[in-house]
Amino acid sequence: MGTSVADPTNRPDHFVDVVPTEWIDRNGHLDTIHYKSLVDRARRQLFDYLGLDRGHFASGFTLFNLEMHALYEREIFGKETICILSHVAGGADKVIHSFHEIFRPDDPRRCAGIELLTLHVDQATRRGTPFPPAIAARLQQIAAEHSARPAPQGLSSRIVLRP
């Protein structure tokens, strides 16, 4: 596990962590599977803020990822401190659309971007179910706040083969 680092911004959409050395692959950089692991840590913080916390999940609900897109732009190495900026692009009655950008704290160039579509699920039925009203309101609030800033490059992109 990585060593979480104190985040000076104290914002629910900004996460700071250190890359565990055991996540480094034979090429000497972060294994592709662990980019999502880093983003999951950041999402936990954001989801706790939204009310999608342990208490909510203990009451019979969970989240399923429906779709994911990853953009790998710069290598990340073990023991590096990284910052993840989460952008809530939108939310419907039972879905969250988010984009998470990974940076080094001292470099404005993005290392990676991970886009996710996440479904709120009732564990008893294993079907999508609307968010409770308080969570839905908070999700809409943060999506509106995030829509006021520039959208991350690559948001809602598609895979295209270029000649």
C-alpha atoms as a PDB file:
ATOM      1  CA  MET A   1       0.000   0.000   0.000  1.00  0.00           C
ATOM      2  CA  GLY A   2       1.102   3.550  -0.636  1.00  0.00           C
ATOM      3  CA  THR A   3       1.743   6.126   1.986  1.00  0.00           C
ATOM      4  CA  SER A   4      -0.909   8.826   1.899  1.00  0.00           C
ATOM      5  CA  VAL A   5       0.467  12.335   2.045  1.00  0.00           C
ATOM      6  CA  ALA A   6      -1.253  15.276   3.697  1.00  0.00           C
ATOM      7  CA  ASP A   7      -3.108  17.295   1.067  1.00  0.00           C
ATOM      8  CA  PRO A   8      -2.665  21.032   1.675  1.00  0.00           C
ATOM      9  CA  THR A   9      -5.778  21.907  -0.353  1.00  0.00           C
ATOM     10  CA  ASN A  10      -8.134  19.891   1.876  1.00  0.00           C
ATOM     11  CA  ARG A  11     -10.484  19.539  -1.116  1.00  0.00           C
ATOM     12  CA  PRO A  12     -12.523  16.370  -1.687  1.00  0.00           C
ATOM     13  CA  ASP A  13     -11.594  16.400  -5.381  1.00  0.00           C
ATOM     14  CA  HIS A  14      -7.825  16.657  -4.809  1.00  0.00           C
ATOM     15  CA  PHE A  15      -5.841  13.665  -3.570  1.00  0.00           C
ATOM     16  CA  VAL A  16      -2.138  13.221  -2.850  1.00  0.00           C
ATOM     17  CA  ASP A  17      -0.354   9.866  -2.486  1.00  0.00           C
ATOM     18  CA  VAL A  18       3.018   8.145  -2.865  1.00  0.00           C
ATOM     19  CA  VAL A  19       3.392   5.366  -5.454  1.00  0.00           C
ATOM     20  CA  PRO A  20       4.226   2.024  -3.786  1.00  0.00           C
ATOM     21  CA  THR A  21       7.384   0.398  -5.138  1.00  0.00           C
ATOM     22  CA  GLU A  22       5.614  -2.982  -5.348  1.00  0.00           C
ATOM     23  CA  TRP A  23       3.389  -1.486  -8.080  1.00  0.00           C
ATOM     24  CA  ILE A  24       6.370  -0.998 -10.404  1.00  0.00           C
ATOM     25  CA  ASP A  25       6.572  -3.388 -13.369  1.00  0.00           C
ATOM     26  CA  ARG A  26       9.522  -4.948 -15.173  1.00  0.00           C
ATOM     27  CA  ASN A  27       9.864  -1.784 -17.276  1.00  0.00           C
ATOM     28  CA  GLY A  28      10.679   0.226 -14.168  1.00  0.00           C
ATOM     29  CA  HIS A  29       7.487   2.287 -14.117  1.00  0.00           C
ATOM     30  CA  LEU A  30       3.989   2.041 -12.656  1.00  0.00           C
ATOM     31  CA  ASP A  31       2.196  -1.073 -13.954  1.00  0.00           C
ATOM     32  CA  THR A  32      -0.853  -0.069 -16.006  1.00  0.00           C
ATOM     33  CA  ILE A  33      -3.265  -1.888 -13.666  1.00  0.00           C
ATOM     34  CA  HIS A  34      -2.220   0.323 -10.771  1.00  0.00           C
ATOM     35  CA  TYR A  35      -3.135   3.623 -12.406  1.00  0.00           C
ATOM     36  CA  LYS A  36      -6.721   2.588 -11.662  1.00  0.00           C
ATOM     37  CA  SER A  37      -5.659   1.603  -8.116  1.00  0.00           C
ATOM     38  CA  LEU A  38      -4.371   5.138  -7.514  1.00  0.00           C
ATOM     39  CA  VAL A  39      -7.554   6.624  -8.935  1.00  0.00           C
ATOM     40  CA  ASP A  40      -9.666   4.324  -6.732  1.00  0.00           C
ATOM     41  CA  ARG A  41      -7.958   5.811  -3.666  1.00  0.00           C
ATOM     42  CA  ALA A  42      -8.814   9.302  -4.876  1.00  0.00           C
ATOM     43  CA  ARG A  43     -12.388   8.270  -5.678  1.00  0.00           C
ATOM     44  CA  ARG A  44     -12.852   6.906  -2.156  1.00  0.00           C
ATOM     45  CA  GLN A  45     -12.123  10.367  -0.789  1.00  0.00           C
ATOM     46  CA  LEU A  46     -14.486  12.000  -3.285  1.00  0.00           C
ATOM     47  CA  PHE A  47     -17.207   9.406  -2.711  1.00  0.00           C
ATOM     48  CA  ASP A  48     -16.956   9.832   1.072  1.00  0.00           C
ATOM     49  CA  TYR A  49     -17.584  13.550   0.522  1.00  0.00           C
ATOM     50  CA  LEU A  50     -20.653  12.721  -1.589  1.00  0.00           C
ATOM     51  CA  GLY A  51     -22.011  10.429   1.146  1.00  0.00           C
ATOM     52  CA  LEU A  52     -21.067   7.220  -0.655  1.00  0.00           C
ATOM     53  CA  ASP A  53     -19.183   6.038   2.399  1.00  0.00           C
ATOM     54  CA  ARG A  54     -18.907   2.863   4.494  1.00  0.00           C
ATOM     55  CA  GLY A  55     -22.234   3.562   6.158  1.00  0.00           C
ATOM     56  CA  HIS A  56     -23.982   3.856   2.807  1.00  0.00           C
ATOM     57  CA  PHE A  57     -22.386   0.664   1.503  1.00  0.00           C
ATOM     58  CA  ALA A  58     -23.210  -1.194   4.753  1.00  0.00           C
ATOM     59  CA  SER A  59     -26.886  -0.340   4.139  1.00  0.00           C
ATOM     60  CA  GLY A  60     -26.982  -2.568   1.061  1.00  0.00           C
ATOM     61  CA  PHE A  61     -25.632  -0.457  -1.782  1.00  0.00           C
ATOM     62  CA  THR A  62     -22.451  -0.477  -3.821  1.00  0.00           C
ATOM     63  CA  LEU A  63     -20.906   0.953  -6.971  1.00  0.00           C
ATOM     64  CA  PHE A  64     -20.060  -0.879 -10.207  1.00  0.00           C
ATOM     65  CA  ASN A  65     -17.818   0.524 -12.917  1.00  0.00           C
ATOM     66  CA  LEU A  66     -19.573   0.326 -16.280  1.00  0.00           C
ATOM     67  CA  GLU A  67     -16.875   1.798 -18.496  1.00  0.00           C
ATOM     68  CA  MET A  68     -13.305   3.036 -18.226  1.00  0.00           C
ATOM     69  CA  HIS A  69     -10.933   4.884 -20.555  1.00  0.00           C
ATOM     70  CA  ALA A  70      -7.266   5.398 -19.692  1.00  0.00           C
ATOM     71  CA  LEU A  71      -4.792   7.823 -21.201  1.00  0.00           C
ATOM     72  CA  TYR A  72      -1.152   7.101 -20.340  1.00  0.00           C
ATOM     73  CA  GLU A  73       0.883  10.210 -21.088  1.00  0.00           C
ATOM     74  CA  ARG A  74       4.000  10.135 -18.879  1.00  0.00           C
ATOM     75  CA  GLU A  75       5.737   7.456 -16.882  1.00  0.00           C
ATOM     76  CA  ILE A  76       5.245   7.300 -13.125  1.00  0.00           C
ATOM     77  CA  PHE A  77       7.903   5.726 -10.919  1.00  0.00           C
ATOM     78  CA  GLY A  78       7.995   4.141  -7.459  1.00  0.00           C
ATOM     79  CA  LYS A  79       8.131   6.364  -4.389  1.00  0.00           C
ATOM     80  CA  GLU A  80       6.980   9.368  -6.443  1.00  0.00           C
ATOM     81  CA  THR A  81       4.444  11.704  -4.905  1.00  0.00           C
ATOM     82  CA  ILE A  82       1.470  12.132  -7.196  1.00  0.00           C
ATOM     83  CA  CYS A  83      -1.592  14.366  -7.116  1.00  0.00           C
ATOM     84  CA  ILE A  84      -4.953  13.324  -8.502  1.00  0.00           C
ATOM     85  CA  LEU A  85      -7.503  15.931  -9.471  1.00  0.00           C
ATOM     86  CA  SER A  86     -10.994  14.464  -9.817  1.00  0.00           C
ATOM     87  CA  HIS A  87     -13.558  16.052 -12.108  1.00  0.00           C
ATOM     88  CA  VAL A  88     -17.227  15.092 -11.795  1.00  0.00           C
ATOM     89  CA  ALA A  89     -18.412  15.573 -15.355  1.00  0.00           C
ATOM     90  CA  GLY A  90     -21.984  14.699 -14.523  1.00  0.00           C
ATOM     91  CA  GLY A  91     -24.379  12.527 -12.649  1.00  0.00           C
ATOM     92  CA  ALA A  92     -27.759  11.083 -13.497  1.00  0.00           C
ATOM     93  CA  ASP A  93     -30.152   9.543 -10.993  1.00  0.00           C
ATOM     94  CA  LYS A  94     -27.927   6.455 -10.583  1.00  0.00           C
ATOM     95  CA  VAL A  95     -24.720   7.146 -12.556  1.00  0.00           C
ATOM     96  CA  ILE A  96     -21.547   9.161 -11.961  1.00  0.00           C
ATOM     97  CA  HIS A  97     -19.370  10.262 -14.886  1.00  0.00           C
ATOM     98  CA  SER A  98     -15.906  11.215 -13.642  1.00  0.00           C
ATOM     99  CA  PHE A  99     -12.447  11.983 -14.986  1.00  0.00           C
ATOM    100  CA  HIS A 100      -9.312  11.751 -12.845  1.00  0.00           C
ATOM    101  CA  GLU A 101      -6.041  13.418 -13.796  1.00  0.00           C
ATOM    102  CA  ILE A 102      -2.729  12.272 -12.311  1.00  0.00           C
ATOM    103  CA  PHE A 103       0.075  14.830 -11.979  1.00  0.00           C
ATOM    104  CA  ARG A 104       3.380  15.230 -10.196  1.00  0.00           C
ATOM    105  CA  PRO A 105       3.107  18.095  -7.695  1.00  0.00           C
ATOM    106  CA  ASP A 106       5.965  20.025  -9.306  1.00  0.00           C
ATOM    107  CA  ASP A 107       5.028  19.447 -12.960  1.00  0.00           C
ATOM    108  CA  PRO A 108       1.945  20.858 -14.726  1.00  0.00           C
ATOM    109  CA  ARG A 109       2.088  18.157 -17.421  1.00  0.00           C
ATOM    110  CA  ARG A 110      -0.441  15.398 -16.855  1.00  0.00           C
ATOM    111  CA  CYS A 111       0.890  11.854 -16.380  1.00  0.00           C
ATOM    112  CA  ALA A 112      -2.422  10.105 -16.977  1.00  0.00           C
ATOM    113  CA  GLY A 113      -6.163  10.541 -17.218  1.00  0.00           C
ATOM    114  CA  ILE A 114      -8.741   7.932 -16.217  1.00  0.00           C
ATOM    115  CA  GLU A 115     -12.394   8.374 -17.193  1.00  0.00           C
ATOM    116  CA  LEU A 116     -15.058   6.281 -15.473  1.00  0.00           C
ATOM    117  CA  LEU A 117     -18.782   5.704 -15.690  1.00  0.00           C
ATOM    118  CA  THR A 118     -19.987   4.321 -12.354  1.00  0.00           C
ATOM    119  CA  LEU A 119     -23.385   2.834 -11.502  1.00  0.00           C
ATOM    120  CA  HIS A 120     -25.081   2.933  -8.068  1.00  0.00           C
ATOM    121  CA  VAL A 121     -26.303  -0.618  -7.349  1.00  0.00           C
ATOM    122  CA  ASP A 122     -28.709  -2.236  -4.877  1.00  0.00           C
ATOM    123  CA  GLN A 123     -26.804  -5.296  -3.629  1.00  0.00           C
ATOM    124  CA  ALA A 124     -29.996  -7.303  -3.046  1.00  0.00           C
ATOM    125  CA  THR A 125     -31.229  -7.008  -6.639  1.00  0.00           C
ATOM    126  CA  ARG A 126     -27.812  -6.469  -8.319  1.00  0.00           C
ATOM    127  CA  ARG A 127     -29.497  -3.743 -10.387  1.00  0.00           C
ATOM    128  CA  GLY A 128     -28.889  -0.040 -10.776  1.00  0.00           C
ATOM    129  CA  THR A 129     -30.846   2.115  -8.345  1.00  0.00           C
ATOM    130  CA  PRO A 130     -31.189   5.886  -7.859  1.00  0.00           C
ATOM    131  CA  PHE A 131     -28.987   7.675  -5.355  1.00  0.00           C
ATOM    132  CA  PRO A 132     -30.691   8.776  -2.137  1.00  0.00           C
ATOM    133  CA  PRO A 133     -31.828  12.438  -2.410  1.00  0.00           C
ATOM    134  CA  ALA A 134     -29.036  13.880  -0.216  1.00  0.00           C
ATOM    135  CA  ILE A 135     -26.336  12.108  -2.245  1.00  0.00           C
ATOM    136  CA  ALA A 136     -27.981  13.082  -5.551  1.00  0.00           C
ATOM    137  CA  ALA A 137     -28.088  16.732  -4.453  1.00  0.00           C
ATOM    138  CA  ARG A 138     -24.448  16.724  -3.411  1.00  0.00           C
ATOM    139  CA  LEU A 139     -23.467  15.006  -6.672  1.00  0.00           C
ATOM    140  CA  GLN A 140     -25.309  17.652  -8.698  1.00  0.00           C
ATOM    141  CA  GLN A 141     -23.694  20.413  -6.620  1.00  0.00           C
ATOM    142  CA  ILE A 142     -20.133  19.193  -7.185  1.00  0.00           C
ATOM    143  CA  ALA A 143     -20.840  18.489 -10.883  1.00  0.00           C
ATOM    144  CA  ALA A 144     -22.051  22.097 -11.248  1.00  0.00           C
ATOM    145  CA  GLU A 145     -18.933  23.396  -9.456  1.00  0.00           C
ATOM    146  CA  HIS A 146     -16.691  21.297 -11.701  1.00  0.00           C
ATOM    147  CA  SER A 147     -18.509  22.409 -14.864  1.00  0.00           C
ATOM    148  CA  ALA A 148     -17.354  25.963 -14.096  1.00  0.00           C
ATOM    149  CA  ARG A 149     -13.712  24.978 -14.637  1.00  0.00           C
ATOM    150  CA  PRO A 150     -12.219  23.838 -17.946  1.00  0.00           C
ATOM    151  CA  ALA A 151     -13.050  20.255 -18.864  1.00  0.00           C
ATOM    152  CA  PRO A 152     -10.054  17.912 -18.730  1.00  0.00           C
ATOM    153  CA  GLN A 153      -8.463  17.172 -22.091  1.00  0.00           C
ATOM    154  CA  GLY A 154      -9.670  13.751 -23.236  1.00  0.00           C
ATOM    155  CA  LEU A 155     -13.005  13.863 -21.418  1.00  0.00           C
ATOM    156  CA  SER A 156     -15.573  11.808 -23.351  1.00  0.00           C
ATOM    157  CA  SER A 157     -13.012  10.934 -25.991  1.00  0.00           C
ATOM    158  CA  ARG A 158     -13.069   7.783 -28.032  1.00  0.00           C
ATOM    159  CA  ILE A 159     -10.396   5.484 -29.307  1.00  0.00           C
ATOM    160  CA  VAL A 160      -9.378   6.387 -32.843  1.00  0.00           C
ATOM    161  CA  LEU A 161      -6.678   4.806 -34.965  1.00  0.00           C
ATOM    162  CA  ARG A 162      -4.636   7.517 -36.615  1.00  0.00           C
ATOM    163  CA  PRO A 163      -2.607   6.890 -39.773  1.00  0.00           C
END
